[in-house]
Structures are given as structure tokens and as C-alpha cells.
Amino acid sequence: MTRTEPTDGPDDGSEETEPTITLTFMCVRNAGRSQMATAFAEREVAERGLAD
């Protein structure tokens, strides 16, 4: 998983926004792994209250 670190805020005077978190799942030789990884990540996001 890749996670961006929070910053002190934008330097351009615009409104502050939450950092974007991007996850990439790359599984080879077993297509089911990607779907399972996505499901596990979505569950963790929901349990931790990180959903939009």
C-alpha cells in the first residue's frame, strides 16, 4: 500500500484539503488476489472511518 504523508497545508493560499491516499494492487498469476486485496482494503477503510 502507498500512503501519502499529511502536509502543513497548501502554500498557494487556496483552501486546505485532506491529503489524497492512493492504493495500487498489482497481483500476478492469480486474478482473484486483486479482488481480495481490494475487499480487505475497503473493509479496513470502513472500520477505521476513513471513507469519504
Protein backbone atom coordinates (compact mmCIF):
# COMPACT_ATOMS: atom_id res chain seq x y z
CA MET A 1 0.00 0.00 0.00
CA THR A 2 1.07 3.53 -0.62
CA ARG A 3 0.14 6.29 1.77
CA THR A 4 0.78 9.98 1.41
CA GLU A 5 2.01 11.88 4.42
CA PRO A 6 -0.02 14.86 5.61
CA THR A 7 1.43 18.27 4.85
CA ASP A 8 1.25 21.57 6.69
CA GLY A 9 -1.19 22.79 4.04
CA PRO A 10 -1.04 24.35 0.62
CA ASP A 11 1.41 27.20 0.04
CA ASP A 12 -0.63 28.84 -2.71
CA GLY A 13 -3.26 30.46 -0.47
CA SER A 14 -6.03 28.08 -1.51
CA GLU A 15 -8.27 26.28 0.96
CA GLU A 16 -6.77 23.38 2.85
CA THR A 17 -7.75 19.91 1.71
CA GLU A 18 -7.20 16.44 3.10
CA PRO A 19 -4.27 14.56 1.57
CA THR A 20 -5.18 12.04 -1.10
CA ILE A 21 -4.36 8.41 -0.42
CA THR A 22 -3.76 6.23 -3.45
CA LEU A 23 -3.67 2.44 -3.22
CA THR A 24 -2.45 0.24 -6.03
CA PHE A 25 -2.84 -3.54 -6.06
CA MET A 26 -0.77 -5.42 -8.60
CA CYS A 27 -1.20 -9.18 -8.48
CA VAL A 28 0.17 -11.65 -10.99
CA ARG A 29 -0.75 -15.25 -11.78
CA ASN A 30 -3.96 -15.16 -9.78
CA ALA A 31 -6.62 -12.64 -10.74
CA GLY A 32 -8.56 -13.33 -7.54
CA ARG A 33 -5.84 -11.78 -5.40
CA SER A 34 -6.55 -8.27 -6.68
CA GLN A 35 -10.23 -8.53 -5.81
CA MET A 36 -9.41 -9.93 -2.37
CA ALA A 37 -6.87 -7.18 -1.69
CA THR A 38 -9.41 -4.55 -2.71
CA ALA A 39 -12.07 -6.07 -0.45
CA PHE A 40 -9.68 -6.19 2.53
CA ALA A 41 -8.63 -2.57 1.96
CA GLU A 42 -12.24 -1.37 1.63
CA ARG A 43 -13.13 -3.13 4.89
CA GLU A 44 -10.20 -1.50 6.70
CA VAL A 45 -11.15 1.93 5.34
CA ALA A 46 -14.71 1.48 6.60
CA GLU A 47 -13.66 0.13 10.02
CA ARG A 48 -11.20 2.99 10.57
CA GLY A 49 -13.68 5.66 9.49
CA LEU A 50 -11.56 6.81 6.57
CA ALA A 51 -14.31 6.73 3.94
CA ASP A 52 -15.37 9.97 2.26
